[in-house]
Amino acid sequence: MINNRVGGENTIKYPFHMDKIIIKDNVVI
C-alpha cells in the first residue's frame, strides 16, 4: 500500500516488513 501511494504500482521503495518472535521458557499459549 505504501509503495503504491508513494510511487505507483511497480515501485519498491519500502521492502517487505518482517521481524522475529521470541517465546522464552515455561510459557503457555
PDB file of all heavy atoms in Angstrom:
ATOM      1  N   MET A   1       0.832  -1.203   0.000  1.00  0.00           N
ATOM      2  CA  MET A   1       0.000   0.000   0.000  1.00  0.00           C
ATOM      3  C   MET A   1       0.869   1.257   0.000  1.00  0.00           C
ATOM      4  O   MET A   1       0.626   2.190  -0.752  1.00  0.00           O
ATOM      5  CB  MET A   1      -0.936  -0.003   1.218  1.00  0.00           C
ATOM      6  CG  MET A   1      -1.891   1.180   1.297  1.00  0.00           C
ATOM      7  SD  MET A   1      -1.245   2.675   2.096  1.00  0.00           S
ATOM      8  CE  MET A   1      -0.851   2.096   3.713  1.00  0.00           C
ATOM      9  N   ILE A   2       1.921   1.260   0.820  1.00  0.00           N
ATOM     10  CA  ILE A   2       2.799   2.435   0.893  1.00  0.00           C
ATOM     11  C   ILE A   2       3.497   2.660  -0.447  1.00  0.00           C
ATOM     12  O   ILE A   2       3.557   3.790  -0.942  1.00  0.00           O
ATOM     13  CB  ILE A   2       3.830   2.281   2.035  1.00  0.00           C
ATOM     14  CG1 ILE A   2       3.117   2.273   3.392  1.00  0.00           C
ATOM     15  CG2 ILE A   2       4.867   3.395   1.986  1.00  0.00           C
ATOM     16  CD1 ILE A   2       4.010   1.890   4.561  1.00  0.00           C
ATOM     17  N   ASN A   3       4.015   1.595  -1.037  1.00  0.00           N
ATOM     18  CA  ASN A   3       4.706   1.722  -2.321  1.00  0.00           C
ATOM     19  C   ASN A   3       3.773   2.253  -3.402  1.00  0.00           C
ATOM     20  O   ASN A   3       4.167   3.089  -4.211  1.00  0.00           O
ATOM     21  CB  ASN A   3       5.325   0.390  -2.743  1.00  0.00           C
ATOM     22  CG  ASN A   3       6.545   0.057  -1.915  1.00  0.00           C
ATOM     23  OD1 ASN A   3       7.234   0.945  -1.422  1.00  0.00           O
ATOM     24  ND2 ASN A   3       6.808  -1.217  -1.750  1.00  0.00           N
ATOM     25  N   ASN A   4       2.540   1.779  -3.444  1.00  0.00           N
ATOM     26  CA  ASN A   4       1.570   2.287  -4.423  1.00  0.00           C
ATOM     27  C   ASN A   4       1.298   3.764  -4.195  1.00  0.00           C
ATOM     28  O   ASN A   4       1.163   4.538  -5.138  1.00  0.00           O
ATOM     29  CB  ASN A   4       0.257   1.514  -4.354  1.00  0.00           C
ATOM     30  CG  ASN A   4       0.286   0.258  -5.174  1.00  0.00           C
ATOM     31  OD1 ASN A   4       1.027   0.157  -6.142  1.00  0.00           O
ATOM     32  ND2 ASN A   4      -0.518  -0.698  -4.782  1.00  0.00           N
ATOM     33  N   ARG A   5       1.224   4.168  -2.937  1.00  0.00           N
ATOM     34  CA  ARG A   5       0.909   5.561  -2.618  1.00  0.00           C
ATOM     35  C   ARG A   5       2.040   6.500  -3.002  1.00  0.00           C
ATOM     36  O   ARG A   5       1.812   7.595  -3.485  1.00  0.00           O
ATOM     37  CB  ARG A   5       0.623   5.674  -1.122  1.00  0.00           C
ATOM     38  CG  ARG A   5       0.246   7.065  -0.705  1.00  0.00           C
ATOM     39  CD  ARG A   5      -0.295   7.065   0.705  1.00  0.00           C
ATOM     40  NE  ARG A   5      -0.728   8.416   1.003  1.00  0.00           N
ATOM     41  CZ  ARG A   5      -0.206   9.162   1.963  1.00  0.00           C
ATOM     42  NH1 ARG A   5       0.728   8.696   2.737  1.00  0.00           N
ATOM     43  NH2 ARG A   5      -0.648  10.383   2.170  1.00  0.00           N
ATOM     44  N   VAL A   6       3.294   6.080  -2.769  1.00  0.00           N
ATOM     45  CA  VAL A   6       4.415   6.994  -2.984  1.00  0.00           C
ATOM     46  C   VAL A   6       5.013   6.966  -4.382  1.00  0.00           C
ATOM     47  O   VAL A   6       5.726   7.879  -4.751  1.00  0.00           O
ATOM     48  CB  VAL A   6       5.554   6.780  -1.951  1.00  0.00           C
ATOM     49  CG1 VAL A   6       5.071   7.021  -0.548  1.00  0.00           C
ATOM     50  CG2 VAL A   6       6.173   5.405  -2.096  1.00  0.00           C
ATOM     51  N   GLY A   7       4.743   5.913  -5.145  1.00  0.00           N
ATOM     52  CA  GLY A   7       5.439   5.886  -6.426  1.00  0.00           C
ATOM     53  C   GLY A   7       4.757   5.121  -7.531  1.00  0.00           C
ATOM     54  O   GLY A   7       5.314   4.976  -8.609  1.00  0.00           O
ATOM     55  N   GLY A   8       3.600   4.625  -7.285  1.00  0.00           N
ATOM     56  CA  GLY A   8       2.931   3.867  -8.331  1.00  0.00           C
ATOM     57  C   GLY A   8       3.055   2.375  -8.119  1.00  0.00           C
ATOM     58  O   GLY A   8       3.792   1.896  -7.269  1.00  0.00           O
ATOM     59  N   GLU A   9       2.347   1.668  -8.931  1.00  0.00           N
ATOM     60  CA  GLU A   9       2.140   0.232  -8.774  1.00  0.00           C
ATOM     61  C   GLU A   9       3.424  -0.599  -8.713  1.00  0.00           C
ATOM     62  O   GLU A   9       3.520  -1.539  -7.953  1.00  0.00           O
ATOM     63  CB  GLU A   9       1.269  -0.251  -9.936  1.00  0.00           C
ATOM     64  CG  GLU A   9       0.756  -1.642  -9.758  1.00  0.00           C
ATOM     65  CD  GLU A   9      -0.235  -1.996 -10.833  1.00  0.00           C
ATOM     66  OE1 GLU A   9      -1.001  -1.102 -11.264  1.00  0.00           O
ATOM     67  OE2 GLU A   9      -0.238  -3.144 -11.240  1.00  0.00           O
ATOM     68  N   ASN A  10       4.425  -0.302  -9.495  1.00  0.00           N
ATOM     69  CA  ASN A  10       5.621  -1.141  -9.558  1.00  0.00           C
ATOM     70  C   ASN A  10       6.798  -0.602  -8.752  1.00  0.00           C
ATOM     71  O   ASN A  10       7.913  -1.093  -8.885  1.00  0.00           O
ATOM     72  CB  ASN A  10       6.041  -1.346 -11.015  1.00  0.00           C
ATOM     73  CG  ASN A  10       4.991  -2.129 -11.768  1.00  0.00           C
ATOM     74  OD1 ASN A  10       4.451  -3.081 -11.232  1.00  0.00           O
ATOM     75  ND2 ASN A  10       4.690  -1.710 -12.984  1.00  0.00           N
ATOM     76  N   THR A  11       6.586   0.398  -7.924  1.00  0.00           N
ATOM     77  CA  THR A  11       7.653   0.976  -7.122  1.00  0.00           C
ATOM     78  C   THR A  11       7.935   0.076  -5.926  1.00  0.00           C
ATOM     79  O   THR A  11       7.022  -0.394  -5.260  1.00  0.00           O
ATOM     80  CB  THR A  11       7.250   2.372  -6.612  1.00  0.00           C
ATOM     81  OG1 THR A  11       6.964   3.183  -7.739  1.00  0.00           O
ATOM     82  CG2 THR A  11       8.352   2.986  -5.780  1.00  0.00           C
ATOM     83  N   ILE A  12       9.216  -0.159  -5.648  1.00  0.00           N
ATOM     84  CA  ILE A  12       9.584  -0.953  -4.476  1.00  0.00           C
ATOM     85  C   ILE A  12      10.555  -0.123  -3.644  1.00  0.00           C
ATOM     86  O   ILE A  12      11.733  -0.423  -3.531  1.00  0.00           O
ATOM     87  CB  ILE A  12      10.195  -2.304  -4.868  1.00  0.00           C
ATOM     88  CG1 ILE A  12       9.226  -3.075  -5.740  1.00  0.00           C
ATOM     89  CG2 ILE A  12      10.547  -3.116  -3.620  1.00  0.00           C
ATOM     90  CD1 ILE A  12       9.736  -4.404  -6.219  1.00  0.00           C
ATOM     91  N   LYS A  13      10.041   0.943  -3.092  1.00  0.00           N
ATOM     92  CA  LYS A  13      10.856   1.802  -2.243  1.00  0.00           C
ATOM     93  C   LYS A  13      10.901   1.258  -0.815  1.00  0.00           C
ATOM     94  O   LYS A  13      11.926   1.301  -0.159  1.00  0.00           O
ATOM     95  CB  LYS A  13      10.285   3.221  -2.263  1.00  0.00           C
ATOM     96  CG  LYS A  13      11.110   4.213  -1.475  1.00  0.00           C
ATOM     97  CD  LYS A  13      10.580   5.620  -1.626  1.00  0.00           C
ATOM     98  CE  LYS A  13      11.450   6.587  -0.851  1.00  0.00           C
ATOM     99  NZ  LYS A  13      11.014   7.954  -0.976  1.00  0.00           N
ATOM    100  N   TYR A  14       9.768   0.747  -0.346  1.00  0.00           N
ATOM    101  CA  TYR A  14       9.665   0.203   1.003  1.00  0.00           C
ATOM    102  C   TYR A  14       9.546  -1.315   0.905  1.00  0.00           C
ATOM    103  O   TYR A  14       8.590  -1.828   0.336  1.00  0.00           O
ATOM    104  CB  TYR A  14       8.457   0.802   1.740  1.00  0.00           C
ATOM    105  CG  TYR A  14       8.594   2.284   1.919  1.00  0.00           C
ATOM    106  CD1 TYR A  14       8.021   3.163   1.005  1.00  0.00           C
ATOM    107  CD2 TYR A  14       9.316   2.796   2.976  1.00  0.00           C
ATOM    108  CE1 TYR A  14       8.166   4.537   1.155  1.00  0.00           C
ATOM    109  CE2 TYR A  14       9.470   4.170   3.130  1.00  0.00           C
ATOM    110  CZ  TYR A  14       8.891   5.028   2.211  1.00  0.00           C
ATOM    111  OH  TYR A  14       9.039   6.369   2.367  1.00  0.00           O
ATOM    112  N   PRO A  15      10.514  -2.049   1.458  1.00  0.00           N
ATOM    113  CA  PRO A  15      10.512  -3.511   1.323  1.00  0.00           C
ATOM    114  C   PRO A  15       9.500  -4.188   2.251  1.00  0.00           C
ATOM    115  O   PRO A  15       8.938  -3.572   3.154  1.00  0.00           O
ATOM    116  CB  PRO A  15      11.941  -3.889   1.704  1.00  0.00           C
ATOM    117  CG  PRO A  15      12.376  -2.813   2.641  1.00  0.00           C
ATOM    118  CD  PRO A  15      11.681  -1.556   2.161  1.00  0.00           C
ATOM    119  N   PHE A  16       9.316  -5.438   1.989  1.00  0.00           N
ATOM    120  CA  PHE A  16       8.516  -6.339   2.813  1.00  0.00           C
ATOM    121  C   PHE A  16       8.970  -6.191   4.257  1.00  0.00           C
ATOM    122  O   PHE A  16      10.165  -6.247   4.543  1.00  0.00           O
ATOM    123  CB  PHE A  16       8.796  -7.745   2.269  1.00  0.00           C
ATOM    124  CG  PHE A  16       7.982  -8.842   2.841  1.00  0.00           C
ATOM    125  CD1 PHE A  16       6.639  -8.933   2.560  1.00  0.00           C
ATOM    126  CD2 PHE A  16       8.571  -9.828   3.621  1.00  0.00           C
ATOM    127  CE1 PHE A  16       5.891  -9.975   3.046  1.00  0.00           C
ATOM    128  CE2 PHE A  16       7.829 -10.875   4.121  1.00  0.00           C
ATOM    129  CZ  PHE A  16       6.485 -10.946   3.825  1.00  0.00           C
ATOM    130  N   HIS A  17       8.047  -5.979   5.193  1.00  0.00           N
ATOM    131  CA  HIS A  17       8.397  -5.745   6.591  1.00  0.00           C
ATOM    132  C   HIS A  17       8.206  -7.024   7.395  1.00  0.00           C
ATOM    133  O   HIS A  17       7.133  -7.618   7.376  1.00  0.00           O
ATOM    134  CB  HIS A  17       7.526  -4.625   7.172  1.00  0.00           C
ATOM    135  CG  HIS A  17       7.902  -4.264   8.569  1.00  0.00           C
ATOM    136  ND1 HIS A  17       8.959  -3.430   8.859  1.00  0.00           N
ATOM    137  CD2 HIS A  17       7.392  -4.647   9.750  1.00  0.00           C
ATOM    138  CE1 HIS A  17       9.073  -3.299  10.172  1.00  0.00           C
ATOM    139  NE2 HIS A  17       8.128  -4.026  10.726  1.00  0.00           N
ATOM    140  N   MET A  18       9.258  -7.451   8.083  1.00  0.00           N
ATOM    141  CA  MET A  18       9.169  -8.634   8.941  1.00  0.00           C
ATOM    142  C   MET A  18      10.007  -8.430  10.183  1.00  0.00           C
ATOM    143  O   MET A  18      10.857  -7.540  10.230  1.00  0.00           O
ATOM    144  CB  MET A  18       9.611  -9.881   8.183  1.00  0.00           C
ATOM    145  CG  MET A  18      11.044  -9.870   7.702  1.00  0.00           C
ATOM    146  SD  MET A  18      11.490 -11.410   6.895  1.00  0.00           S
ATOM    147  CE  MET A  18      11.306 -10.937   5.195  1.00  0.00           C
ATOM    148  N   ASP A  19       9.743  -9.266  11.194  1.00  0.00           N
ATOM    149  CA  ASP A  19      10.513  -9.212  12.431  1.00  0.00           C
ATOM    150  C   ASP A  19      10.381 -10.559  13.128  1.00  0.00           C
ATOM    151  O   ASP A  19       9.528 -11.377  12.774  1.00  0.00           O
ATOM    152  CB  ASP A  19      10.001  -8.077  13.322  1.00  0.00           C
ATOM    153  CG  ASP A  19      11.045  -7.579  14.330  1.00  0.00           C
ATOM    154  OD1 ASP A  19      12.070  -8.274  14.546  1.00  0.00           O
ATOM    155  OD2 ASP A  19      10.825  -6.499  14.916  1.00  0.00           O
ATOM    156  N   LYS A  20      11.185 -10.762  14.156  1.00  0.00           N
ATOM    157  CA  LYS A  20      11.199 -12.032  14.875  1.00  0.00           C
ATOM    158  C   LYS A  20      10.165 -12.061  15.999  1.00  0.00           C
ATOM    159  O   LYS A  20       9.671 -11.019  16.447  1.00  0.00           O
ATOM    160  CB  LYS A  20      12.588 -12.297  15.433  1.00  0.00           C
ATOM    161  CG  LYS A  20      13.035 -11.273  16.465  1.00  0.00           C
ATOM    162  CD  LYS A  20      14.477 -11.476  16.832  1.00  0.00           C
ATOM    163  CE  LYS A  20      14.903 -10.383  17.816  1.00  0.00           C
ATOM    164  NZ  LYS A  20      16.306 -10.401  18.105  1.00  0.00           N
ATOM    165  N   ILE A  21       9.878 -13.278  16.438  1.00  0.00           N
ATOM    166  CA  ILE A  21       9.024 -13.542  17.600  1.00  0.00           C
ATOM    167  C   ILE A  21       9.843 -14.421  18.532  1.00  0.00           C
ATOM    168  O   ILE A  21      10.389 -15.445  18.098  1.00  0.00           O
ATOM    169  CB  ILE A  21       7.721 -14.259  17.198  1.00  0.00           C
ATOM    170  CG1 ILE A  21       6.870 -13.359  16.300  1.00  0.00           C
ATOM    171  CG2 ILE A  21       6.950 -14.695  18.453  1.00  0.00           C
ATOM    172  CD1 ILE A  21       5.669 -14.058  15.681  1.00  0.00           C
ATOM    173  N   ILE A  22       9.922 -14.029  19.799  1.00  0.00           N
ATOM    174  CA  ILE A  22      10.680 -14.806  20.784  1.00  0.00           C
ATOM    175  C   ILE A  22       9.725 -15.241  21.896  1.00  0.00           C
ATOM    176  O   ILE A  22       9.053 -14.410  22.503  1.00  0.00           O
ATOM    177  CB  ILE A  22      11.831 -13.986  21.391  1.00  0.00           C
ATOM    178  CG1 ILE A  22      12.797 -13.546  20.294  1.00  0.00           C
ATOM    179  CG2 ILE A  22      12.552 -14.785  22.482  1.00  0.00           C
ATOM    180  CD1 ILE A  22      13.846 -12.554  20.748  1.00  0.00           C
ATOM    181  N   ILE A  23       9.704 -16.547  22.149  1.00  0.00           N
ATOM    182  CA  ILE A  23       8.932 -17.097  23.260  1.00  0.00           C
ATOM    183  C   ILE A  23       9.937 -17.773  24.179  1.00  0.00           C
ATOM    184  O   ILE A  23      10.616 -18.717  23.778  1.00  0.00           O
ATOM    185  CB  ILE A  23       7.877 -18.103  22.768  1.00  0.00           C
ATOM    186  CG1 ILE A  23       6.947 -17.405  21.777  1.00  0.00           C
ATOM    187  CG2 ILE A  23       7.112 -18.683  23.947  1.00  0.00           C
ATOM    188  CD1 ILE A  23       6.056 -18.346  21.025  1.00  0.00           C
ATOM    189  N   LYS A  24      10.039 -17.278  25.384  1.00  0.00           N
ATOM    190  CA  LYS A  24      11.034 -17.804  26.324  1.00  0.00           C
ATOM    191  C   LYS A  24      10.493 -19.047  27.033  1.00  0.00           C
ATOM    192  O   LYS A  24       9.448 -19.567  26.689  1.00  0.00           O
ATOM    193  CB  LYS A  24      11.454 -16.704  27.274  1.00  0.00           C
ATOM    194  CG  LYS A  24      12.119 -15.552  26.499  1.00  0.00           C
ATOM    195  CD  LYS A  24      13.119 -14.819  27.292  1.00  0.00           C
ATOM    196  CE  LYS A  24      13.789 -13.766  26.425  1.00  0.00           C
ATOM    197  NZ  LYS A  24      14.455 -12.767  27.226  1.00  0.00           N
ATOM    198  N   ASP A  25      11.208 -19.539  28.045  1.00  0.00           N
ATOM    199  CA  ASP A  25      10.898 -20.812  28.698  1.00  0.00           C
ATOM    200  C   ASP A  25       9.624 -20.774  29.543  1.00  0.00           C
ATOM    201  O   ASP A  25       9.265 -19.746  30.115  1.00  0.00           O
ATOM    202  CB  ASP A  25      12.054 -21.214  29.621  1.00  0.00           C
ATOM    203  CG  ASP A  25      13.349 -21.470  28.876  1.00  0.00           C
ATOM    204  OD1 ASP A  25      13.317 -21.691  27.645  1.00  0.00           O
ATOM    205  OD2 ASP A  25      14.406 -21.451  29.535  1.00  0.00           O
ATOM    206  N   ASN A  26       8.987 -21.970  29.618  1.00  0.00           N
ATOM    207  CA  ASN A  26       7.873 -22.210  30.537  1.00  0.00           C
ATOM    208  C   ASN A  26       6.711 -21.254  30.282  1.00  0.00           C
ATOM    209  O   ASN A  26       6.258 -20.533  31.169  1.00  0.00           O
ATOM    210  CB  ASN A  26       8.359 -22.106  31.986  1.00  0.00           C
ATOM    211  CG  ASN A  26       7.447 -22.866  32.934  1.00  0.00           C
ATOM    212  OD1 ASN A  26       6.932 -23.922  32.588  1.00  0.00           O
ATOM    213  ND2 ASN A  26       7.224 -22.315  34.110  1.00  0.00           N
ATOM    214  N   VAL A  27       6.212 -21.288  29.063  1.00  0.00           N
ATOM    215  CA  VAL A  27       5.119 -20.412  28.632  1.00  0.00           C
ATOM    216  C   VAL A  27       3.958 -21.269  28.139  1.00  0.00           C
ATOM    217  O   VAL A  27       4.170 -22.329  27.548  1.00  0.00           O
ATOM    218  CB  VAL A  27       5.611 -19.473  27.499  1.00  0.00           C
ATOM    219  CG1 VAL A  27       4.458 -18.730  26.846  1.00  0.00           C
ATOM    220  CG2 VAL A  27       6.637 -18.483  28.040  1.00  0.00           C
ATOM    221  N   VAL A  28       2.744 -20.813  28.381  1.00  0.00           N
ATOM    222  CA  VAL A  28       1.542 -21.441  27.834  1.00  0.00           C
ATOM    223  C   VAL A  28       0.857 -20.424  26.924  1.00  0.00           C
ATOM    224  O   VAL A  28       0.621 -19.279  27.329  1.00  0.00           O
ATOM    225  CB  VAL A  28       0.561 -21.882  28.945  1.00  0.00           C
ATOM    226  CG1 VAL A  28      -0.738 -22.386  28.358  1.00  0.00           C
ATOM    227  CG2 VAL A  28       1.201 -22.937  29.834  1.00  0.00           C
ATOM    228  N   ILE A  29       0.545 -20.857  25.702  1.00  0.00           N
ATOM    229  CA  ILE A  29      -0.161 -20.002  24.745  1.00  0.00           C
ATOM    230  C   ILE A  29      -1.481 -20.688  24.410  1.00  0.00           C
ATOM    231  O   ILE A  29      -1.501 -21.788  23.854  1.00  0.00           O
ATOM    232  CB  ILE A  29       0.677 -19.768  23.481  1.00  0.00           C
ATOM    233  CG1 ILE A  29       2.014 -19.115  23.857  1.00  0.00           C
ATOM    234  CG2 ILE A  29      -0.088 -18.901  22.493  1.00  0.00           C
ATOM    235  CD1 ILE A  29       2.993 -19.013  22.723  1.00  0.00           C
TER     236      ILE A  29
END
